[in-house]
Amino acid sequence: QVQLVESGGGLVQAGGSLRLSCAASGGALSAYGMGWFRRAPGKEREFVAQINWSGHSTYYADSVKGRFTISRDNAKNTVYLQMNVLKPEDTAVYYCNSHPTSDFTWGQGTQVTVSS
């Protein structure tokens, strides 16, 4: 059973950058489209970005388009989210999972906090 571990979050000032990682164990991610999601305090989990199995196709929520970049390294069984020009409204716990269907058990997520 695939287990996902997100990392790379932290506290950053507005305008700063972070790079999140989603490492998988127990199975290969290479056959799956993958996505990043986030849950802000008091809100539902929302879609952030997706990438197809090969990494050649990506799609972003309007709120992060032009600032975030999703990528993957199938050899390392890892998916990344490069986040630039961070805004306070990006503050959330960030998760990864397969996409469009969330086939894996959700991990703990990684907290991103952006101060103004």
Protein backbone atom coordinates (compact mmCIF):
# COMPACT_ATOMS: atom_id res chain seq x y z
CA GLN A 1 0.00 0.00 0.00
CA VAL A 2 1.37 3.35 -1.03
CA GLN A 3 2.22 5.73 1.78
CA LEU A 4 2.72 9.41 1.11
CA VAL A 5 4.90 11.74 3.17
CA GLU A 6 4.80 15.46 2.53
CA SER A 7 7.64 17.72 3.64
CA GLY A 8 9.21 21.10 3.02
CA GLY A 9 6.68 23.36 4.66
CA GLY A 10 7.55 26.14 7.06
CA LEU A 11 7.12 29.76 7.99
CA VAL A 12 7.96 32.28 5.28
CA GLN A 13 7.34 35.96 4.68
CA ALA A 14 5.03 37.11 1.93
CA GLY A 15 6.88 37.10 -1.37
CA GLY A 16 9.07 34.22 -0.32
CA SER A 17 9.41 30.71 -1.72
CA LEU A 18 9.16 27.14 -0.53
CA ARG A 19 9.57 23.79 -2.23
CA LEU A 20 7.36 20.96 -1.05
CA SER A 21 8.10 17.29 -1.59
CA CYS A 22 5.78 14.30 -1.63
CA ALA A 23 7.68 11.06 -1.24
CA ALA A 24 5.99 7.72 -1.74
CA SER A 25 6.84 4.31 -0.38
CA GLY A 26 5.21 0.93 -0.81
CA GLY A 27 4.46 1.38 -4.48
CA ALA A 28 5.33 3.31 -7.62
CA LEU A 29 3.73 6.65 -8.43
CA SER A 30 4.78 6.48 -12.07
CA ALA A 31 1.45 5.07 -13.23
CA TYR A 32 -0.57 7.81 -11.55
CA GLY A 33 -1.47 11.38 -12.20
CA MET A 34 -0.68 13.25 -9.00
CA GLY A 35 -2.01 16.37 -7.37
CA TRP A 36 -1.31 18.81 -4.60
CA PHE A 37 -4.13 19.98 -2.38
CA ARG A 38 -4.38 22.29 0.60
CA ARG A 39 -6.65 22.91 3.55
CA ALA A 40 -6.69 26.34 5.11
CA PRO A 41 -7.98 26.85 8.66
CA GLY A 42 -11.76 26.55 8.74
CA LYS A 43 -12.00 25.63 5.06
CA GLU A 44 -12.45 22.52 2.97
CA ARG A 45 -9.50 20.87 1.25
CA GLU A 46 -9.03 22.38 -2.20
CA PHE A 47 -7.20 21.46 -5.37
CA VAL A 48 -3.91 23.29 -6.06
CA ALA A 49 -2.13 21.61 -8.97
CA GLN A 50 -1.96 18.39 -10.94
CA ILE A 51 0.57 16.60 -13.11
CA ASN A 52 0.09 13.63 -15.39
CA TRP A 53 2.05 10.39 -15.06
CA SER A 54 4.85 11.48 -17.39
CA GLY A 55 5.17 15.02 -16.11
CA HIS A 56 4.40 16.51 -19.51
CA SER A 57 1.01 17.92 -18.62
CA THR A 58 0.17 20.15 -15.69
CA TYR A 59 -2.82 22.15 -14.53
CA TYR A 60 -3.22 24.73 -11.78
CA ALA A 61 -5.91 26.37 -9.74
CA ASP A 62 -6.39 29.98 -10.79
CA SER A 63 -5.27 31.15 -7.36
CA VAL A 64 -1.75 29.76 -7.81
CA LYS A 65 -1.27 29.91 -11.58
CA GLY A 66 1.98 31.63 -12.49
CA ARG A 67 3.36 31.31 -8.95
CA PHE A 68 3.43 27.55 -8.27
CA THR A 69 5.05 24.80 -10.35
CA ILE A 70 4.34 21.10 -9.94
CA SER A 71 6.90 18.57 -11.09
CA ARG A 72 7.81 14.95 -10.53
CA ASP A 73 10.76 12.59 -10.54
CA ASN A 74 9.45 9.08 -11.13
CA ALA A 75 12.88 7.60 -10.53
CA LYS A 76 12.77 9.06 -7.02
CA ASN A 77 9.06 8.31 -6.59
CA THR A 78 8.57 11.93 -5.57
CA VAL A 79 6.35 14.83 -6.58
CA TYR A 80 7.30 18.44 -5.93
CA LEU A 81 5.56 21.78 -5.60
CA GLN A 82 7.69 24.87 -6.07
CA MET A 83 5.86 27.82 -4.54
CA ASN A 84 7.02 31.34 -5.35
CA VAL A 85 5.66 34.78 -4.51
CA LEU A 86 3.82 33.32 -1.55
CA LYS A 87 0.86 35.20 -0.13
CA PRO A 88 -0.76 35.05 3.32
CA GLU A 89 -3.78 33.38 1.71
CA ASP A 90 -1.52 30.45 0.76
CA THR A 91 -1.32 29.53 4.44
CA ALA A 92 -2.60 25.97 4.76
CA VAL A 93 -1.67 22.36 5.28
CA TYR A 94 -0.55 20.96 1.95
CA TYR A 95 -1.20 17.38 0.88
CA CYS A 96 -0.50 15.23 -2.15
CA ASN A 97 -2.47 12.35 -3.57
CA SER A 98 -3.23 10.71 -6.87
CA HIS A 99 -5.44 12.75 -9.16
CA PRO A 100 -8.15 12.88 -10.43
CA THR A 101 -9.10 10.15 -7.99
CA SER A 102 -7.50 10.14 -4.55
CA ASP A 103 -6.53 6.51 -4.49
CA PHE A 104 -4.09 6.66 -1.59
CA THR A 105 -4.52 7.21 2.11
CA TRP A 106 -3.96 10.87 2.85
CA GLY A 107 -0.69 11.70 4.57
CA GLN A 108 -0.15 14.09 7.45
CA GLY A 109 0.50 17.00 5.16
CA THR A 110 3.02 19.78 5.63
CA GLN A 111 2.17 23.14 7.15
CA VAL A 112 2.87 26.29 5.16
CA THR A 113 2.49 29.58 6.97
CA VAL A 114 2.97 32.88 5.13
CA SER A 115 3.30 36.00 7.23
CA SER A 116 2.38 39.43 5.93
